[in-house]
Structures are given as C-alpha cells and as structure tokens.
C-alpha cells in the first residue's frame, strides 16, 4: 500500500512526521509539503512532492496546488491520503475525492477546544475520515485514534550540590545546574513575528549563556543577538538536546521538538492583540501542556530566570511501545 502524507511545514509537518510510524507502518510513503529548511532536513532521503510556500488562507493557491496533488496521486499510485493540515490538505483532498482515494484528516494538536479553519471546511465534506487528538473532543463526526502527545512522561532531574541556583530557599544544599546553553525558537508563522518573546528571553537568560536564536520573521533590529530566521530540523534537534532550557512560542511544532529532545519548555502564547497570530489557539495548547506538566507557561513579557531554572529541573521521556493504529 502507498500512503501519501500531506502537511505544511511547521507544526503540522512535525506532527505528521511523529505520527507516521503509527499510521503508515509498513506502507510505501510519499510526502507532500512545501520546500523549507525544516522539510528538507526532516524528510531527507524520503520521497517528497513539493508545493510552493503560500500565505494562510490562500484560496487560489489551494486550487493551483491541486494540480500537483493530482499528478502525485497518479505517478506514485497512491492508495490513501492522510493529512494534518493546514490548507494543503484541501489541495490533496479535491483530487483524492475525484479519484475515490480514501482520505483521512487528523486535526492539529494545537486545536484543543475548536477546529481550525481547514478543519471547519473538512467538517462539511462527505467521505472524509476525521480525527481530533484529544479524547474529550470527539463528536458524531470526529473520532479519536491517537495523539502526538501520547506517551510523554516528565520526571525530575536528579539534583546535585555545588554552584548554581538555590532551589531550597535556604541558601545551601540542593541547587540547579546553571543555565549555560539555551534555544529560543518562535517557529515560522509566515509574516508574524514575536519580538516580545525574543526580548523577554534576552532579559531572562544569563549574559554568558550560549544561545541559538531561531527568530522566524521577527524583526530583531537593535537586539544584540545572532538571529537565524530558519534552522534545519537536524541542527535544531541537536541544539535542543544540548540545551539546558528551551524558550519558545506555544506552537505545536516547538512544543513537540522540545519534548522530543527531553526538555520541558518555557512557552508563551502569541497574542492576536499584539499582531502575533491570526487567532488565540496557542492559549489553548499552552493551557493543556501546563496542566499536564509538559511546559511552563508564562505571558511573553513575564518570563524570568527563575522560570528557566525551574524548567531545567525536569526531563521528558517517551514510551517506545506505542501501537500502530488504523485511520
């Protein structure tokens, strides 16, 4: 069987890549995504069909990309399509329906309480298998099969004595390892920058810390930092594993990357009022992660060194016995 996995770069692609071993076990896999540093790194050596990178809600772009999807379905003999969004899902859905190719849509884990724009469109289209990633969000039209957050577990890093930040409040005894390496990442998000988070991280981090600044489209003029708009997935993963702490926006891709690297991240949700995103869905994901101890969540302007030290006290592991699922 040949399965085509369809997702736009960023959190959508990160999620589908993480779910792929469970939903396409034993299949020949073809990927359909846009050509970015992340997708090139993450899908290196795999069969990939590229579409242009397009702005959100680009209806004309969706229709144009159906031609690419139609050609991919034919050339690769695709038997089924699975997508995690965003609008690229619609580009693949149209030819899949016309060719009677089974289509499954897995809503982004970012959508804790409501459907995305693409999900709302999918909700009205017949002959689509629809899934949410939270068991309490199922309905007559949306089922639950799996989640990217399945299997993550948090445990305290064994404490040590010596120089560092005092965690006991007594001035002696148990201390945390100093923050020497950090990753600050705000994902891609097209034209939406997140300068408030970058500035807060710069204030909170020790001056001597070695920091990878992945800033996306954020305007960092006037800030004394070595900004990198985009970082290949392999490079980012390596830096996340080496870091003492991860600071990021409350995007699914950022959260998953940090958790997969064994880190409890310090996250801040983007604000619509500050022009940092199109809606407030990051608030929902941030609350979900904080409730389960998978992130420390703060307003972007209020991140402190104490938050970073607290995050560094914990590590994340993931069960390796998760079963394949049929969707």
C-alpha atoms as a PDB file:
ATOM      1  CA  UNK A   1       0.000   0.000   0.000  1.00  0.00           C
ATOM      2  CA  UNK A   2       1.173   3.523  -0.794  1.00  0.00           C
ATOM      3  CA  UNK A   3       0.184   6.273   1.610  1.00  0.00           C
ATOM      4  CA  UNK A   4       0.595   9.955   0.803  1.00  0.00           C
ATOM      5  CA  UNK A   5       1.192  12.062   3.913  1.00  0.00           C
ATOM      6  CA  UNK A   6       0.272  15.716   3.439  1.00  0.00           C
ATOM      7  CA  UNK A   7       1.202  18.632   5.715  1.00  0.00           C
ATOM      8  CA  UNK A   8       2.512  22.161   5.515  1.00  0.00           C
ATOM      9  CA  UNK A   9       5.886  22.908   7.140  1.00  0.00           C
ATOM     10  CA  UNK A  10       5.998  23.847  10.795  1.00  0.00           C
ATOM     11  CA  UNK A  11       3.902  22.225  13.491  1.00  0.00           C
ATOM     12  CA  UNK A  12       1.655  20.412  11.010  1.00  0.00           C
ATOM     13  CA  UNK A  13       4.590  18.616   9.384  1.00  0.00           C
ATOM     14  CA  UNK A  14       6.264  17.932  12.730  1.00  0.00           C
ATOM     15  CA  UNK A  15       3.091  16.278  13.982  1.00  0.00           C
ATOM     16  CA  UNK A  16       2.530  14.121  10.930  1.00  0.00           C
ATOM     17  CA  UNK A  17       6.174  13.050  10.899  1.00  0.00           C
ATOM     18  CA  UNK A  18       5.824  11.955  14.522  1.00  0.00           C
ATOM     19  CA  UNK A  19       2.552  10.109  13.832  1.00  0.00           C
ATOM     20  CA  UNK A  20       3.760   8.484  10.589  1.00  0.00           C
ATOM     21  CA  UNK A  21       5.269   5.332  12.171  1.00  0.00           C
ATOM     22  CA  UNK A  22       1.895   4.583  13.777  1.00  0.00           C
ATOM     23  CA  UNK A  23      -0.424   5.437  10.874  1.00  0.00           C
ATOM     24  CA  UNK A  24       1.675   4.206   7.931  1.00  0.00           C
ATOM     25  CA  UNK A  25       3.526   1.244   9.428  1.00  0.00           C
ATOM     26  CA  UNK A  26       4.790  -0.987   6.619  1.00  0.00           C
ATOM     27  CA  UNK A  27       3.479   1.288   3.832  1.00  0.00           C
ATOM     28  CA  UNK A  28       5.357   2.916   0.989  1.00  0.00           C
ATOM     29  CA  UNK A  29       5.178   6.622   1.874  1.00  0.00           C
ATOM     30  CA  UNK A  30       5.071   9.728  -0.300  1.00  0.00           C
ATOM     31  CA  UNK A  31       5.173  13.130   1.369  1.00  0.00           C
ATOM     32  CA  UNK A  32       3.527  16.298   0.040  1.00  0.00           C
ATOM     33  CA  UNK A  33       4.716  19.521   1.659  1.00  0.00           C
ATOM     34  CA  UNK A  34       6.412  22.826   0.892  1.00  0.00           C
ATOM     35  CA  UNK A  35      10.144  23.164   0.352  1.00  0.00           C
ATOM     36  CA  UNK A  36      11.681  24.594   3.545  1.00  0.00           C
ATOM     37  CA  UNK A  37      14.764  24.003   5.663  1.00  0.00           C
ATOM     38  CA  UNK A  38      12.603  22.006   8.045  1.00  0.00           C
ATOM     39  CA  UNK A  39      11.033  19.760   5.407  1.00  0.00           C
ATOM     40  CA  UNK A  40      14.345  19.153   3.617  1.00  0.00           C
ATOM     41  CA  UNK A  41      16.005  18.130   6.872  1.00  0.00           C
ATOM     42  CA  UNK A  42      13.111  16.182   8.376  1.00  0.00           C
ATOM     43  CA  UNK A  43      12.313  14.235   5.191  1.00  0.00           C
ATOM     44  CA  UNK A  44      15.848  13.738   3.927  1.00  0.00           C
ATOM     45  CA  UNK A  45      16.071  10.515   1.895  1.00  0.00           C
ATOM     46  CA  UNK A  46      12.308  10.115   1.581  1.00  0.00           C
ATOM     47  CA  UNK A  47      10.023  10.552  -1.426  1.00  0.00           C
ATOM     48  CA  UNK A  48       8.745  14.125  -1.335  1.00  0.00           C
ATOM     49  CA  UNK A  49       6.432  16.121  -3.625  1.00  0.00           C
ATOM     50  CA  UNK A  50       6.853  19.871  -3.087  1.00  0.00           C
ATOM     51  CA  UNK A  51       4.263  22.616  -3.362  1.00  0.00           C
ATOM     52  CA  UNK A  52       5.021  26.361  -3.152  1.00  0.00           C
ATOM     53  CA  UNK A  53       5.075  28.008   0.256  1.00  0.00           C
ATOM     54  CA  UNK A  54       1.888  30.069   0.425  1.00  0.00           C
ATOM     55  CA  UNK A  55       0.359  32.532   2.912  1.00  0.00           C
ATOM     56  CA  UNK A  56      -2.516  31.349   5.149  1.00  0.00           C
ATOM     57  CA  UNK A  57      -6.000  31.128   3.616  1.00  0.00           C
ATOM     58  CA  UNK A  58      -4.751  31.410   0.044  1.00  0.00           C
ATOM     59  CA  UNK A  59      -7.755  30.015  -1.834  1.00  0.00           C
ATOM     60  CA  UNK A  60      -6.220  30.485  -5.274  1.00  0.00           C
ATOM     61  CA  UNK A  61      -3.049  28.785  -4.077  1.00  0.00           C
ATOM     62  CA  UNK A  62      -5.077  25.820  -2.808  1.00  0.00           C
ATOM     63  CA  UNK A  63      -6.662  25.376  -6.228  1.00  0.00           C
ATOM     64  CA  UNK A  64      -3.350  25.697  -8.036  1.00  0.00           C
ATOM     65  CA  UNK A  65      -1.751  23.068  -5.843  1.00  0.00           C
ATOM     66  CA  UNK A  66      -4.478  20.529  -6.687  1.00  0.00           C
ATOM     67  CA  UNK A  67      -2.625  20.002  -9.981  1.00  0.00           C
ATOM     68  CA  UNK A  68       0.498  18.977  -8.086  1.00  0.00           C
ATOM     69  CA  UNK A  69      -1.516  16.645  -5.867  1.00  0.00           C
ATOM     70  CA  UNK A  70      -3.316  15.113  -8.866  1.00  0.00           C
ATOM     71  CA  UNK A  71      -0.020  14.362 -10.563  1.00  0.00           C
ATOM     72  CA  UNK A  72       1.421  12.864  -7.360  1.00  0.00           C
ATOM     73  CA  UNK A  73      -1.575  10.566  -6.855  1.00  0.00           C
ATOM     74  CA  UNK A  74      -1.192   9.243 -10.378  1.00  0.00           C
ATOM     75  CA  UNK A  75       2.597   8.967 -10.583  1.00  0.00           C
ATOM     76  CA  UNK A  76       3.008   7.235  -7.211  1.00  0.00           C
ATOM     77  CA  UNK A  77      -0.080   5.014  -7.326  1.00  0.00           C
ATOM     78  CA  UNK A  78      -1.366   6.401  -4.032  1.00  0.00           C
ATOM     79  CA  UNK A  79      -3.876   4.158  -2.243  1.00  0.00           C
ATOM     80  CA  UNK A  80      -4.825   6.552   0.554  1.00  0.00           C
ATOM     81  CA  UNK A  81      -4.085  10.072   1.776  1.00  0.00           C
ATOM     82  CA  UNK A  82      -3.600  11.248   5.362  1.00  0.00           C
ATOM     83  CA  UNK A  83      -3.195  14.934   6.204  1.00  0.00           C
ATOM     84  CA  UNK A  84      -2.657  17.005   9.324  1.00  0.00           C
ATOM     85  CA  UNK A  85      -3.257  20.315   7.501  1.00  0.00           C
ATOM     86  CA  UNK A  86      -3.246  23.186   7.023  1.00  0.00           C
ATOM     87  CA  UNK A  87      -4.749  24.385   3.709  1.00  0.00           C
ATOM     88  CA  UNK A  88      -2.515  21.988   1.780  1.00  0.00           C
ATOM     89  CA  UNK A  89      -4.931  19.295   2.980  1.00  0.00           C
ATOM     90  CA  UNK A  90      -7.607  20.763   0.724  1.00  0.00           C
ATOM     91  CA  UNK A  91      -5.266  20.700  -2.272  1.00  0.00           C
ATOM     92  CA  UNK A  92      -4.863  16.938  -1.797  1.00  0.00           C
ATOM     93  CA  UNK A  93      -8.472  16.304  -0.800  1.00  0.00           C
ATOM     94  CA  UNK A  94     -10.038  17.528  -4.046  1.00  0.00           C
ATOM     95  CA  UNK A  95      -8.257  15.099  -6.408  1.00  0.00           C
ATOM     96  CA  UNK A  96      -8.461  12.303  -3.805  1.00  0.00           C
ATOM     97  CA  UNK A  97     -12.268  12.578  -3.721  1.00  0.00           C
ATOM     98  CA  UNK A  98     -12.473  12.719  -7.526  1.00  0.00           C
ATOM     99  CA  UNK A  99     -10.361   9.554  -7.772  1.00  0.00           C
ATOM    100  CA  UNK A 100     -12.162   7.831  -4.869  1.00  0.00           C
ATOM    101  CA  UNK A 101      -8.915   7.591  -2.896  1.00  0.00           C
ATOM    102  CA  UNK A 102      -9.633   7.268   0.864  1.00  0.00           C
ATOM    103  CA  UNK A 103      -8.779  10.472   2.719  1.00  0.00           C
ATOM    104  CA  UNK A 104      -8.176  10.876   6.455  1.00  0.00           C
ATOM    105  CA  UNK A 105      -7.723  14.200   8.208  1.00  0.00           C
ATOM    106  CA  UNK A 106      -6.080  14.478  11.627  1.00  0.00           C
ATOM    107  CA  UNK A 107      -6.799  17.860  13.205  1.00  0.00           C
ATOM    108  CA  UNK A 108      -3.770  19.644  14.617  1.00  0.00           C
ATOM    109  CA  UNK A 109      -2.992  19.049  18.285  1.00  0.00           C
ATOM    110  CA  UNK A 110      -2.881  22.835  18.518  1.00  0.00           C
ATOM    111  CA  UNK A 111      -6.668  22.775  18.332  1.00  0.00           C
ATOM    112  CA  UNK A 112      -7.591  21.819  21.866  1.00  0.00           C
ATOM    113  CA  UNK A 113     -11.059  23.377  22.058  1.00  0.00           C
ATOM    114  CA  UNK A 114     -12.118  24.193  18.496  1.00  0.00           C
ATOM    115  CA  UNK A 115     -11.468  23.298  14.878  1.00  0.00           C
ATOM    116  CA  UNK A 116      -9.007  25.067  12.628  1.00  0.00           C
ATOM    117  CA  UNK A 117     -10.193  26.892   9.518  1.00  0.00           C
ATOM    118  CA  UNK A 118      -9.246  23.850   7.441  1.00  0.00           C
ATOM    119  CA  UNK A 119     -10.961  21.565   9.945  1.00  0.00           C
ATOM    120  CA  UNK A 120     -14.179  23.553   9.629  1.00  0.00           C
ATOM    121  CA  UNK A 121     -14.090  23.094   5.862  1.00  0.00           C
ATOM    122  CA  UNK A 122     -13.318  19.378   6.212  1.00  0.00           C
ATOM    123  CA  UNK A 123     -16.228  19.070   8.643  1.00  0.00           C
ATOM    124  CA  UNK A 124     -18.676  19.846   5.821  1.00  0.00           C
ATOM    125  CA  UNK A 125     -17.212  17.490   3.217  1.00  0.00           C
ATOM    126  CA  UNK A 126     -18.562  13.920   2.933  1.00  0.00           C
ATOM    127  CA  UNK A 127     -16.475  10.753   2.645  1.00  0.00           C
ATOM    128  CA  UNK A 128     -13.639  12.003   4.844  1.00  0.00           C
ATOM    129  CA  UNK A 129     -12.415  10.234   7.961  1.00  0.00           C
ATOM    130  CA  UNK A 130     -11.971  12.927  10.624  1.00  0.00           C
ATOM    131  CA  UNK A 131      -9.943  12.715  13.824  1.00  0.00           C
ATOM    132  CA  UNK A 132      -9.140  15.012  16.731  1.00  0.00           C
ATOM    133  CA  UNK A 133      -6.153  14.463  19.007  1.00  0.00           C
ATOM    134  CA  UNK A 134      -7.965  14.785  22.327  1.00  0.00           C
ATOM    135  CA  UNK A 135     -10.366  12.049  23.533  1.00  0.00           C
ATOM    136  CA  UNK A 136     -12.683  14.603  25.149  1.00  0.00           C
ATOM    137  CA  UNK A 137     -13.147  16.438  21.827  1.00  0.00           C
ATOM    138  CA  UNK A 138     -14.839  13.619  19.897  1.00  0.00           C
ATOM    139  CA  UNK A 139     -18.261  14.069  18.331  1.00  0.00           C
ATOM    140  CA  UNK A 140     -20.577  12.313  15.939  1.00  0.00           C
ATOM    141  CA  UNK A 141     -18.395  13.468  13.032  1.00  0.00           C
ATOM    142  CA  UNK A 142     -14.945  13.456  14.653  1.00  0.00           C
ATOM    143  CA  UNK A 143     -13.292  10.416  16.208  1.00  0.00           C
ATOM    144  CA  UNK A 144     -10.153   9.863  18.256  1.00  0.00           C
ATOM    145  CA  UNK A 145      -7.380   7.413  17.357  1.00  0.00           C
ATOM    146  CA  UNK A 146      -4.078   8.843  18.560  1.00  0.00           C
ATOM    147  CA  UNK A 147      -2.237  11.979  19.630  1.00  0.00           C
ATOM    148  CA  UNK A 148       1.269  13.351  19.213  1.00  0.00           C
ATOM    149  CA  UNK A 149       1.359  13.768  22.984  1.00  0.00           C
ATOM    150  CA  UNK A 150       0.809  10.055  23.634  1.00  0.00           C
ATOM    151  CA  UNK A 151       3.478   8.536  25.829  1.00  0.00           C
ATOM    152  CA  UNK A 152       5.306  11.645  27.050  1.00  0.00           C
ATOM    153  CA  UNK A 153       6.346  11.424  30.722  1.00  0.00           C
ATOM    154  CA  UNK A 154       8.022  14.006  32.967  1.00  0.00           C
ATOM    155  CA  UNK A 155      10.465  13.244  35.752  1.00  0.00           C
ATOM    156  CA  UNK A 156      12.717  15.355  37.937  1.00  0.00           C
ATOM    157  CA  UNK A 157      16.381  15.517  37.018  1.00  0.00           C
ATOM    158  CA  UNK A 158      18.484  14.091  39.871  1.00  0.00           C
ATOM    159  CA  UNK A 159      19.664  17.064  41.947  1.00  0.00           C
ATOM    160  CA  UNK A 160      23.258  17.902  42.722  1.00  0.00           C
ATOM    161  CA  UNK A 161      25.238  20.047  45.101  1.00  0.00           C
ATOM    162  CA  UNK A 162      27.601  22.842  44.204  1.00  0.00           C
ATOM    163  CA  UNK A 163      27.448  26.175  42.440  1.00  0.00           C
ATOM    164  CA  UNK A 164      24.193  27.121  40.810  1.00  0.00           C
ATOM    165  CA  UNK A 165      20.726  28.441  41.546  1.00  0.00           C
ATOM    166  CA  UNK A 166      19.438  27.660  45.036  1.00  0.00           C
ATOM    167  CA  UNK A 167      16.165  25.697  44.848  1.00  0.00           C
ATOM    168  CA  UNK A 168      15.750  25.050  48.554  1.00  0.00           C
ATOM    169  CA  UNK A 169      15.316  28.675  49.628  1.00  0.00           C
ATOM    170  CA  UNK A 170      17.908  28.146  52.357  1.00  0.00           C
ATOM    171  CA  UNK A 171      20.989  29.326  50.527  1.00  0.00           C
ATOM    172  CA  UNK A 172      22.602  25.887  50.937  1.00  0.00           C
ATOM    173  CA  UNK A 173      22.022  22.321  49.798  1.00  0.00           C
ATOM    174  CA  UNK A 174      20.172  21.354  46.627  1.00  0.00           C
ATOM    175  CA  UNK A 175      20.977  23.541  43.648  1.00  0.00           C
ATOM    176  CA  UNK A 176      20.175  23.558  39.955  1.00  0.00           C
ATOM    177  CA  UNK A 177      22.724  23.407  37.190  1.00  0.00           C
ATOM    178  CA  UNK A 178      23.430  26.901  35.819  1.00  0.00           C
ATOM    179  CA  UNK A 179      21.808  27.854  32.523  1.00  0.00           C
ATOM    180  CA  UNK A 180      24.756  27.652  30.139  1.00  0.00           C
ATOM    181  CA  UNK A 181      23.079  26.697  26.835  1.00  0.00           C
ATOM    182  CA  UNK A 182      19.634  27.668  25.575  1.00  0.00           C
ATOM    183  CA  UNK A 183      17.456  27.544  22.492  1.00  0.00           C
ATOM    184  CA  UNK A 184      14.959  30.337  21.807  1.00  0.00           C
ATOM    185  CA  UNK A 185      12.615  29.476  18.961  1.00  0.00           C
ATOM    186  CA  UNK A 186       9.477  31.115  17.570  1.00  0.00           C
ATOM    187  CA  UNK A 187       8.839  28.787  14.617  1.00  0.00           C
ATOM    188  CA  UNK A 188       7.964  30.054  11.174  1.00  0.00           C
ATOM    189  CA  UNK A 189       4.489  31.656  11.222  1.00  0.00           C
ATOM    190  CA  UNK A 190       4.929  33.470   7.924  1.00  0.00           C
ATOM    191  CA  UNK A 191       4.771  37.208   8.403  1.00  0.00           C
ATOM    192  CA  UNK A 192       4.004  37.036  12.130  1.00  0.00           C
ATOM    193  CA  UNK A 193       6.934  37.959  14.338  1.00  0.00           C
ATOM    194  CA  UNK A 194       7.200  37.531  18.110  1.00  0.00           C
ATOM    195  CA  UNK A 195       9.606  40.232  19.305  1.00  0.00           C
ATOM    196  CA  UNK A 196       8.093  40.360  22.791  1.00  0.00           C
ATOM    197  CA  UNK A 197       9.253  36.806  23.429  1.00  0.00           C
ATOM    198  CA  UNK A 198      12.714  37.422  21.988  1.00  0.00           C
ATOM    199  CA  UNK A 199      13.167  40.493  24.184  1.00  0.00           C
ATOM    200  CA  UNK A 200      11.932  38.684  27.307  1.00  0.00           C
ATOM    201  CA  UNK A 201      14.272  35.752  26.675  1.00  0.00           C
ATOM    202  CA  UNK A 202      17.193  38.133  26.204  1.00  0.00           C
ATOM    203  CA  UNK A 203      16.418  39.724  29.579  1.00  0.00           C
ATOM    204  CA  UNK A 204      15.966  36.427  31.416  1.00  0.00           C
ATOM    205  CA  UNK A 205      18.932  34.462  30.087  1.00  0.00           C
ATOM    206  CA  UNK A 206      22.323  34.833  31.772  1.00  0.00           C
ATOM    207  CA  UNK A 207      24.599  37.087  29.733  1.00  0.00           C
ATOM    208  CA  UNK A 208      27.220  34.350  29.460  1.00  0.00           C
ATOM    209  CA  UNK A 209      24.795  31.681  28.155  1.00  0.00           C
ATOM    210  CA  UNK A 210      25.319  30.283  24.649  1.00  0.00           C
ATOM    211  CA  UNK A 211      22.020  30.738  22.787  1.00  0.00           C
ATOM    212  CA  UNK A 212      20.570  29.596  19.482  1.00  0.00           C
ATOM    213  CA  UNK A 213      18.117  32.297  18.418  1.00  0.00           C
ATOM    214  CA  UNK A 214      15.628  30.951  15.834  1.00  0.00           C
ATOM    215  CA  UNK A 215      13.587  34.072  15.133  1.00  0.00           C
ATOM    216  CA  UNK A 216      11.440  33.373  12.069  1.00  0.00           C
ATOM    217  CA  UNK A 217      10.118  36.608  10.586  1.00  0.00           C
ATOM    218  CA  UNK A 218      10.637  38.554  13.836  1.00  0.00           C
ATOM    219  CA  UNK A 219      12.255  41.971  13.463  1.00  0.00           C
ATOM    220  CA  UNK A 220      15.256  41.789  15.788  1.00  0.00           C
ATOM    221  CA  UNK A 221      16.880  45.051  14.756  1.00  0.00           C
ATOM    222  CA  UNK A 222      18.622  46.737  17.684  1.00  0.00           C
ATOM    223  CA  UNK A 223      18.949  43.494  19.646  1.00  0.00           C
ATOM    224  CA  UNK A 224      22.433  42.168  20.293  1.00  0.00           C
ATOM    225  CA  UNK A 225      21.903  38.586  19.206  1.00  0.00           C
ATOM    226  CA  UNK A 226      22.851  36.263  16.350  1.00  0.00           C
ATOM    227  CA  UNK A 227      19.429  35.698  14.796  1.00  0.00           C
ATOM    228  CA  UNK A 228      18.709  32.763  12.491  1.00  0.00           C
ATOM    229  CA  UNK A 229      15.293  33.015  10.784  1.00  0.00           C
ATOM    230  CA  UNK A 230      15.232  29.305   9.955  1.00  0.00           C
ATOM    231  CA  UNK A 231      17.224  26.331  11.208  1.00  0.00           C
ATOM    232  CA  UNK A 232      17.322  22.833   9.621  1.00  0.00           C
ATOM    233  CA  UNK A 233      15.463  20.274  11.738  1.00  0.00           C
ATOM    234  CA  UNK A 234      18.561  18.163  12.335  1.00  0.00           C
ATOM    235  CA  UNK A 235      20.500  21.187  13.599  1.00  0.00           C
ATOM    236  CA  UNK A 236      17.622  22.362  15.767  1.00  0.00           C
ATOM    237  CA  UNK A 237      17.123  18.884  17.247  1.00  0.00           C
ATOM    238  CA  UNK A 238      20.794  18.628  18.143  1.00  0.00           C
ATOM    239  CA  UNK A 239      20.783  22.063  19.780  1.00  0.00           C
ATOM    240  CA  UNK A 240      17.607  21.263  21.710  1.00  0.00           C
ATOM    241  CA  UNK A 241      19.166  18.102  23.125  1.00  0.00           C
ATOM    242  CA  UNK A 242      22.279  20.019  24.216  1.00  0.00           C
ATOM    243  CA  UNK A 243      20.345  22.918  25.754  1.00  0.00           C
ATOM    244  CA  UNK A 244      19.745  23.404  29.453  1.00  0.00           C
ATOM    245  CA  UNK A 245      16.479  25.166  28.669  1.00  0.00           C
ATOM    246  CA  UNK A 246      14.172  25.805  25.711  1.00  0.00           C
ATOM    247  CA  UNK A 247      12.136  29.005  25.371  1.00  0.00           C
ATOM    248  CA  UNK A 248       9.534  29.204  22.628  1.00  0.00           C
ATOM    249  CA  UNK A 249       6.151  30.244  21.356  1.00  0.00           C
ATOM    250  CA  UNK A 250       3.274  27.905  22.210  1.00  0.00           C
ATOM    251  CA  UNK A 251       3.191  26.304  18.777  1.00  0.00           C
ATOM    252  CA  UNK A 252       2.729  22.572  18.386  1.00  0.00           C
ATOM    253  CA  UNK A 253       5.946  22.115  16.414  1.00  0.00           C
ATOM    254  CA  UNK A 254       8.016  23.964  19.002  1.00  0.00           C
ATOM    255  CA  UNK A 255       6.450  22.091  21.914  1.00  0.00           C
ATOM    256  CA  UNK A 256       6.922  18.712  20.255  1.00  0.00           C
ATOM    257  CA  UNK A 257      10.514  19.439  19.280  1.00  0.00           C
ATOM    258  CA  UNK A 258      11.371  20.390  22.859  1.00  0.00           C
ATOM    259  CA  UNK A 259       9.560  17.416  24.396  1.00  0.00           C
ATOM    260  CA  UNK A 260      11.144  15.012  21.905  1.00  0.00           C
ATOM    261  CA  UNK A 261      14.541  16.377  22.922  1.00  0.00           C
ATOM    262  CA  UNK A 262      13.759  15.596  26.562  1.00  0.00           C
ATOM    263  CA  UNK A 263      13.060  19.181  27.637  1.00  0.00           C
ATOM    264  CA  UNK A 264      10.157  20.786  29.476  1.00  0.00           C
ATOM    265  CA  UNK A 265       9.969  24.085  27.560  1.00  0.00           C
ATOM    266  CA  UNK A 266       9.120  27.567  28.790  1.00  0.00           C
ATOM    267  CA  UNK A 267       6.359  28.678  26.426  1.00  0.00           C
ATOM    268  CA  UNK A 268       4.480  31.895  25.708  1.00  0.00           C
ATOM    269  CA  UNK A 269       1.337  32.089  23.578  1.00  0.00           C
ATOM    270  CA  UNK A 270       1.250  34.570  20.720  1.00  0.00           C
ATOM    271  CA  UNK A 271      -1.278  37.389  21.051  1.00  0.00           C
ATOM    272  CA  UNK A 272      -3.768  38.487  18.410  1.00  0.00           C
ATOM    273  CA  UNK A 273      -3.905  41.901  20.070  1.00  0.00           C
ATOM    274  CA  UNK A 274      -0.177  42.357  19.545  1.00  0.00           C
ATOM    275  CA  UNK A 275      -0.417  41.231  15.919  1.00  0.00           C
ATOM    276  CA  UNK A 276       1.463  37.974  16.604  1.00  0.00           C
ATOM    277  CA  UNK A 277      -1.042  35.494  15.155  1.00  0.00           C
ATOM    278  CA  UNK A 278      -4.382  35.157  13.373  1.00  0.00           C
ATOM    279  CA  UNK A 279      -6.224  33.754  16.405  1.00  0.00           C
ATOM    280  CA  UNK A 280      -5.755  32.719  20.037  1.00  0.00           C
ATOM    281  CA  UNK A 281      -5.435  28.941  19.631  1.00  0.00           C
ATOM    282  CA  UNK A 282      -1.954  28.937  21.199  1.00  0.00           C
ATOM    283  CA  UNK A 283      -3.573  29.842  24.523  1.00  0.00           C
ATOM    284  CA  UNK A 284      -5.490  26.544  24.461  1.00  0.00           C
ATOM    285  CA  UNK A 285      -2.425  24.429  23.707  1.00  0.00           C
ATOM    286  CA  UNK A 286      -0.361  26.257  26.326  1.00  0.00           C
ATOM    287  CA  UNK A 287      -3.015  25.605  28.982  1.00  0.00           C
ATOM    288  CA  UNK A 288      -3.211  21.907  28.049  1.00  0.00           C
ATOM    289  CA  UNK A 289       0.559  21.450  28.265  1.00  0.00           C
ATOM    290  CA  UNK A 290       0.840  23.368  31.531  1.00  0.00           C
ATOM    291  CA  UNK A 291      -1.953  21.314  33.123  1.00  0.00           C
ATOM    292  CA  UNK A 292      -0.064  18.092  32.323  1.00  0.00           C
ATOM    293  CA  UNK A 293       3.301  19.407  33.443  1.00  0.00           C
ATOM    294  CA  UNK A 294       4.677  19.289  29.899  1.00  0.00           C
ATOM    295  CA  UNK A 295       5.522  23.004  29.792  1.00  0.00           C
ATOM    296  CA  UNK A 296       5.992  26.053  31.977  1.00  0.00           C
ATOM    297  CA  UNK A 297       3.730  28.737  30.523  1.00  0.00           C
ATOM    298  CA  UNK A 298       4.130  32.462  31.066  1.00  0.00           C
ATOM    299  CA  UNK A 299       2.972  35.645  29.330  1.00  0.00           C
ATOM    300  CA  UNK A 300       5.616  36.662  26.812  1.00  0.00           C
ATOM    301  CA  UNK A 301       6.591  39.768  28.798  1.00  0.00           C
ATOM    302  CA  UNK A 302       6.963  37.957  32.131  1.00  0.00           C
ATOM    303  CA  UNK A 303       9.493  35.166  31.593  1.00  0.00           C
ATOM    304  CA  UNK A 304      12.200  35.224  34.298  1.00  0.00           C
ATOM    305  CA  UNK A 305      15.416  33.408  35.115  1.00  0.00           C
ATOM    306  CA  UNK A 306      13.521  31.558  37.862  1.00  0.00           C
ATOM    307  CA  UNK A 307      11.218  30.105  35.185  1.00  0.00           C
ATOM    308  CA  UNK A 308      14.216  28.897  33.211  1.00  0.00           C
ATOM    309  CA  UNK A 309      15.807  27.310  36.266  1.00  0.00           C
ATOM    310  CA  UNK A 310      12.529  25.576  37.140  1.00  0.00           C
ATOM    311  CA  UNK A 311      12.202  24.157  33.609  1.00  0.00           C
ATOM    312  CA  UNK A 312      15.761  22.836  33.731  1.00  0.00           C
ATOM    313  CA  UNK A 313      14.867  20.727  36.776  1.00  0.00           C
ATOM    314  CA  UNK A 314      12.746  18.376  34.662  1.00  0.00           C
ATOM    315  CA  UNK A 315      13.313  15.960  31.807  1.00  0.00           C
ATOM    316  CA  UNK A 316      10.919  14.274  29.423  1.00  0.00           C
ATOM    317  CA  UNK A 317      10.894  10.680  28.235  1.00  0.00           C
ATOM    318  CA  UNK A 318       8.561   8.901  25.834  1.00  0.00           C
ATOM    319  CA  UNK A 319       7.338   5.340  25.801  1.00  0.00           C
ATOM    320  CA  UNK A 320       8.576   3.354  22.821  1.00  0.00           C
ATOM    321  CA  UNK A 321       5.794   0.761  22.827  1.00  0.00           C
ATOM    322  CA  UNK A 322       3.026   2.832  21.206  1.00  0.00           C
ATOM    323  CA  UNK A 323       0.941   0.628  18.904  1.00  0.00           C
ATOM    324  CA  UNK A 324       0.163   1.298  15.200  1.00  0.00           C
ATOM    325  CA  UNK A 325      -3.367   2.495  14.542  1.00  0.00           C
ATOM    326  CA  UNK A 326      -5.717   2.256  11.583  1.00  0.00           C
ATOM    327  CA  UNK A 327      -7.295   5.517  10.475  1.00  0.00           C
END
